[in-house]
Protein backbone atom coordinates (compact mmCIF):
# COMPACT_ATOMS: atom_id res chain seq x y z
CA UNK A 1 0.01 -0.15 -0.02
CA UNK A 2 1.45 3.49 -0.94
CA UNK A 3 1.64 6.19 1.45
CA UNK A 4 0.58 9.07 -0.86
CA UNK A 5 -3.25 8.74 -0.64
CA UNK A 6 -3.21 8.83 3.47
CA UNK A 7 -0.49 11.47 3.51
CA UNK A 8 -2.47 13.70 0.81
CA UNK A 9 -5.56 13.32 2.45
CA UNK A 10 -4.28 14.02 6.08
CA UNK A 11 -2.71 17.09 4.91
CA UNK A 12 -5.85 18.13 2.67
CA UNK A 13 -8.15 17.49 6.21
CA UNK A 14 -5.50 19.46 8.14
CA UNK A 15 -5.51 22.41 6.31
CA UNK A 16 -9.40 22.37 5.84
CA UNK A 17 -9.84 22.30 9.83
CA UNK A 18 -7.17 25.07 9.90
CA UNK A 19 -8.49 27.50 7.65
CA UNK A 20 -12.37 26.56 8.33
CA UNK A 21 -12.31 28.65 11.92
CA UNK A 22 -10.48 31.52 10.42
CA UNK A 23 -13.11 31.94 7.82
CA UNK A 24 -15.87 31.18 10.61
CA UNK A 25 -14.64 33.98 12.82
CA UNK A 26 -14.36 36.44 9.87
CA UNK A 27 -17.98 35.68 8.78
CA UNK A 28 -19.27 36.12 12.37
CA UNK A 29 -17.67 39.45 12.51
CA UNK A 30 -19.16 40.70 9.12
CA UNK A 31 -22.68 39.32 10.47
CA UNK A 32 -22.50 41.11 13.61
CA UNK A 33 -21.28 43.95 12.04
CA UNK A 34 -24.36 43.81 8.98
CA UNK A 35 -26.67 43.63 12.05
CA UNK A 36 -25.40 46.60 13.37
CA UNK A 37 -25.63 48.15 10.52
CA UNK A 38 -28.98 47.22 10.00
CA UNK A 39 -30.18 48.60 13.58
CA UNK A 40 -28.41 51.82 13.10
CA UNK A 41 -30.32 52.50 9.49
CA UNK A 42 -33.51 51.27 11.05
CA UNK A 43 -32.97 53.72 13.81
CA UNK A 44 -31.75 56.90 11.24
CA UNK A 45 -33.68 56.07 8.62
CA UNK A 46 -30.94 55.69 6.25
CA UNK A 47 -30.15 52.57 3.79
CA UNK A 48 -27.90 49.81 5.15
CA UNK A 49 -24.37 49.71 4.45
CA UNK A 50 -23.91 46.29 3.16
CA UNK A 51 -27.81 45.50 2.57
CA UNK A 52 -30.51 44.08 3.77
CA UNK A 53 -29.64 40.73 2.10
CA UNK A 54 -26.16 40.48 3.20
CA UNK A 55 -26.67 38.90 7.11
CA UNK A 56 -28.59 36.18 4.91
CA UNK A 57 -25.96 35.43 2.89
CA UNK A 58 -23.41 35.28 5.85
CA UNK A 59 -25.51 32.92 7.43
CA UNK A 60 -25.65 30.58 4.01
CA UNK A 61 -21.83 30.77 3.87
CA UNK A 62 -21.49 29.74 7.71
CA UNK A 63 -23.51 26.34 6.63
CA UNK A 64 -21.32 26.07 3.55
CA UNK A 65 -18.21 26.39 5.91
CA UNK A 66 -19.58 23.98 8.46
CA UNK A 67 -20.00 21.25 5.55
CA UNK A 68 -16.70 21.97 4.40
CA UNK A 69 -15.35 21.60 8.02
CA UNK A 70 -17.13 18.23 8.42
CA UNK A 71 -15.72 16.79 5.09
CA UNK A 72 -12.53 17.95 6.44
CA UNK A 73 -13.09 15.83 9.67
CA UNK A 74 -14.32 12.58 7.23
CA UNK A 75 -11.19 13.00 5.17
CA UNK A 76 -8.89 12.97 8.03
CA UNK A 77 -10.60 9.43 9.60
CA UNK A 78 -9.90 8.39 5.94
CA UNK A 79 -6.81 9.64 6.05
CA UNK A 80 -5.89 7.51 9.50
CA UNK A 81 -7.37 4.44 8.50
CA UNK A 82 -5.07 4.61 5.00
CA UNK A 83 -1.95 5.36 7.21
CA UNK A 84 -2.94 2.56 9.93
CA UNK A 85 -3.06 0.06 7.18
CA UNK A 86 0.11 1.38 5.99
CA UNK A 87 2.16 1.30 8.97
CA UNK A 88 0.17 -1.94 9.97
CA UNK A 89 -0.70 -0.44 13.52
CA UNK A 90 -4.59 -1.18 14.08
CA UNK A 91 -4.47 1.38 16.74
CA UNK A 92 -4.40 4.52 14.62
CA UNK A 93 -7.49 4.29 13.28
CA UNK A 94 -9.08 2.47 16.21
CA UNK A 95 -8.49 5.32 18.67
CA UNK A 96 -9.68 7.77 16.14
CA UNK A 97 -12.89 5.57 15.76
CA UNK A 98 -13.57 5.68 19.37
CA UNK A 99 -12.94 9.15 19.79
CA UNK A 100 -15.13 9.93 16.87
CA UNK A 101 -17.77 7.70 18.56
CA UNK A 102 -17.25 8.93 22.38
CA UNK A 103 -18.31 12.65 20.86
CA UNK A 104 -21.18 11.56 19.00
CA UNK A 105 -22.58 8.88 21.42
CA UNK A 106 -21.61 11.14 24.43
CA UNK A 107 -23.47 14.35 22.83
CA UNK A 108 -26.69 12.37 22.03
CA UNK A 109 -26.86 10.83 25.49
CA UNK A 110 -26.21 14.49 26.84
CA UNK A 111 -28.86 15.71 25.17
CA UNK A 112 -31.61 13.03 25.91
CA UNK A 113 -30.30 13.25 29.68
CA UNK A 114 -30.58 17.12 29.59
CA UNK A 115 -34.03 16.91 28.06
CA UNK A 116 -35.24 14.51 30.88
CA UNK A 117 -34.08 16.63 33.53
CA UNK A 118 -35.37 19.75 32.29
CA UNK A 119 -38.78 18.15 31.91
CA UNK A 120 -38.56 16.93 35.12
CA UNK A 121 -37.50 19.60 36.69
CA UNK A 122 -40.40 22.17 34.82
CA UNK A 123 -43.06 19.40 36.03
CA UNK A 124 -42.01 19.47 39.56
CA UNK A 125 -41.76 23.29 39.46
CA UNK A 126 -44.97 23.81 38.45
CA UNK A 127 -46.23 22.31 41.70
CA UNK A 128 -43.89 24.42 44.02
CA UNK A 129 -44.11 27.84 44.53
CA UNK A 130 -40.75 28.50 45.50
CA UNK A 131 -39.13 30.88 42.59
CA UNK A 132 -35.48 30.36 43.93
CA UNK A 133 -35.76 26.86 43.50
CA UNK A 134 -36.36 27.48 39.96
CA UNK A 135 -33.40 29.28 39.37
CA UNK A 136 -31.06 27.07 41.46
CA UNK A 137 -32.37 24.01 38.86
CA UNK A 138 -31.72 26.16 35.77
CA UNK A 139 -28.18 27.14 36.84
CA UNK A 140 -27.41 23.51 37.86
CA UNK A 141 -28.73 21.93 34.89
CA UNK A 142 -26.29 24.56 32.76
CA UNK A 143 -23.39 23.41 34.64
CA UNK A 144 -24.00 19.69 34.74
CA UNK A 145 -24.32 19.96 31.18
CA UNK A 146 -21.29 22.00 30.59
CA UNK A 147 -19.02 19.67 33.03
CA UNK A 148 -20.52 16.47 31.16
CA UNK A 149 -19.75 18.02 27.84
CA UNK A 150 -16.12 18.76 29.06
CA UNK A 151 -15.52 15.35 30.31
CA UNK A 152 -16.82 13.90 26.42
CA UNK A 153 -14.33 16.61 24.69
CA UNK A 154 -11.35 15.32 27.25
CA UNK A 155 -12.05 11.58 26.68
CA UNK A 156 -12.27 12.03 23.21
CA UNK A 157 -8.98 14.24 23.34
CA UNK A 158 -7.43 11.62 25.11
CA UNK A 159 -8.30 8.55 22.45
CA UNK A 160 -7.42 11.18 19.40
CA UNK A 161 -4.01 11.95 21.27
CA UNK A 162 -3.25 8.20 21.48
CA UNK A 163 -3.91 7.75 17.83
CA UNK A 164 -1.31 10.77 17.00
CA UNK A 165 1.02 9.28 19.23
CA UNK A 166 1.19 6.07 17.53
CA UNK A 167 1.49 7.84 13.81
CA UNK A 168 4.32 9.74 15.23
CA UNK A 169 6.34 6.60 16.93
CA UNK A 170 5.40 4.53 13.73
CA UNK A 171 6.34 7.28 10.98
CA UNK A 172 9.05 9.14 13.29
CA UNK A 173 7.38 12.56 12.83
CA UNK A 174 7.74 14.25 15.87
CA UNK A 175 5.03 16.75 14.87
CA UNK A 176 2.35 14.32 15.28
CA UNK A 177 3.17 13.61 19.08
CA UNK A 178 3.15 17.61 19.49
CA UNK A 179 -0.19 17.80 17.75
CA UNK A 180 -1.60 15.28 20.28
CA UNK A 181 -0.29 16.75 23.26
CA UNK A 182 -1.77 19.95 22.04
CA UNK A 183 -4.81 19.35 21.38
CA UNK A 184 -5.23 17.73 25.00
CA UNK A 185 -3.93 20.78 26.37
CA UNK A 186 -6.41 22.71 24.24
CA UNK A 187 -9.56 20.69 25.03
CA UNK A 188 -8.75 21.08 28.97
CA UNK A 189 -8.99 24.30 28.51
CA UNK A 190 -11.72 24.95 26.12
CA UNK A 191 -13.82 26.86 28.81
CA UNK A 192 -11.64 29.86 28.33
CA UNK A 193 -10.50 31.10 24.87
CA UNK A 194 -7.02 30.33 24.72
CA UNK A 195 -8.01 26.48 24.68
CA UNK A 196 -9.49 27.02 21.47
CA UNK A 197 -6.48 28.50 19.94
CA UNK A 198 -4.09 25.51 21.18
CA UNK A 199 -6.47 23.20 19.43
CA UNK A 200 -6.14 25.09 16.81
CA UNK A 201 -2.40 25.46 16.66
CA UNK A 202 -2.51 21.48 17.35
CA UNK A 203 -3.60 20.85 13.81
CA UNK A 204 -1.04 23.20 12.29
CA UNK A 205 1.75 20.76 13.87
CA UNK A 206 -0.64 18.14 12.36
CA UNK A 207 -0.73 19.49 8.92
CA UNK A 208 3.38 20.00 9.11
CA UNK A 209 3.56 16.25 10.55
CA UNK A 210 0.98 14.76 7.32
CA UNK A 211 3.53 17.04 4.93
CA UNK A 212 6.64 15.67 6.66
CA UNK A 213 5.75 11.81 5.86
CA UNK A 214 8.27 9.96 4.20
CA UNK A 215 7.84 6.30 2.48
CA UNK A 216 9.50 3.84 4.66
CA UNK A 217 12.71 2.95 3.90
CA UNK A 218 12.96 -0.99 2.52
CA UNK A 219 15.34 -3.34 4.07
CA UNK A 220 17.74 -4.50 1.66
CA UNK A 221 19.32 -8.23 2.44
CA UNK A 222 23.27 -8.23 1.95
CA UNK A 223 24.31 -11.32 -0.53
CA UNK A 224 27.95 -12.44 -0.33
CA UNK A 225 29.82 -11.86 -3.26
CA UNK A 226 31.74 -14.90 -5.00
CA UNK A 227 35.38 -14.43 -5.04
CA UNK A 228 36.61 -13.75 -8.34
CA UNK A 229 39.75 -15.49 -7.59
CA UNK A 230 38.10 -19.02 -7.50
CA UNK A 231 38.59 -21.00 -10.23
CA UNK A 232 35.64 -22.29 -12.51
CA UNK A 233 34.51 -25.82 -11.14
CA UNK A 234 35.16 -27.24 -14.45
CA UNK A 235 38.55 -26.75 -14.24
CA UNK A 236 39.18 -28.36 -10.73
CA UNK A 237 36.55 -31.41 -11.35
CA UNK A 238 37.74 -34.60 -13.00
CA UNK A 239 35.81 -36.24 -15.90
CA UNK A 240 35.01 -39.93 -16.24
CA UNK A 241 33.66 -41.44 -19.23
CA UNK A 242 30.07 -42.65 -18.83
CA UNK A 243 30.49 -45.66 -21.13
CA UNK A 244 33.89 -47.17 -19.93
CA UNK A 245 34.42 -45.41 -16.42
CA UNK A 246 38.23 -44.00 -17.67
CA UNK A 247 39.24 -40.76 -16.09
CA UNK A 248 39.68 -38.18 -18.47
CA UNK A 249 41.30 -34.73 -18.52
CA UNK A 250 38.83 -31.91 -17.86
CA UNK A 251 39.11 -30.49 -21.48
CA UNK A 252 38.71 -33.71 -23.26
CA UNK A 253 35.79 -34.16 -25.83
CA UNK A 254 36.15 -37.98 -26.42
CA UNK A 255 37.33 -40.92 -24.01
CA UNK A 256 40.95 -41.67 -24.38
CA UNK A 257 40.08 -45.51 -23.77
CA UNK A 258 36.61 -46.03 -25.74
CA UNK A 259 36.71 -43.20 -27.83
CA UNK A 260 33.23 -42.19 -27.58
CA UNK A 261 31.84 -38.66 -27.14
CA UNK A 262 32.01 -37.57 -23.75
CA UNK A 263 29.01 -35.69 -22.37
CA UNK A 264 29.35 -32.25 -22.06
CA UNK A 265 28.52 -30.27 -18.97
């Protein structure tokens, strides 16, 4: 199996994951700026600077960028599967899949649990006259969801870090180990802005790692060369006539005893 498909897919996926947040940040900035322009024009009676359809166009662009980001993640999974087969290390792909499943299953379970808890809280509070309890339920629910989401992300990041570490171990590219470590640290610090920045930097190291991948060096077996000074075997071996059994010289063509032609070796 060739290295190039996995390397190119991984590089493309990492670049997409690096570029998408930058474009998303710019689009959100333009969106809020256009909303501010619409509000200002409504108060002053002037025409919007960007046009009334500009925010809708930004929302459509954000949707397209989100789809591109999802495609990038799928390409990353395919790349890790290809590299897992190339390096004959199932742990590379297995940890990526486990990380993906933990995120999907974890958030689905968290969503269902949150709905159930919220429904139970609302039902119980309808029969209660204590308004303070309502606020406590709401705050507790939000904090619980945030804490559970953080735990899910950390477990997913640990699995992804293991995948990067195994790839770095097999390929000898240290950038993958750095990417895995930064990804975990950034995930732990996601609650603050710097965490997202560290995760973003981790994908830059991942892109550098994919770009640095080189094919495995084939192991060559050395064979002993024959000594060129060794005389040919046909000059040292004796020749016997197959008819009468008399010994002849190595260069004899006919037997010296019976005269029959000797077999050529």
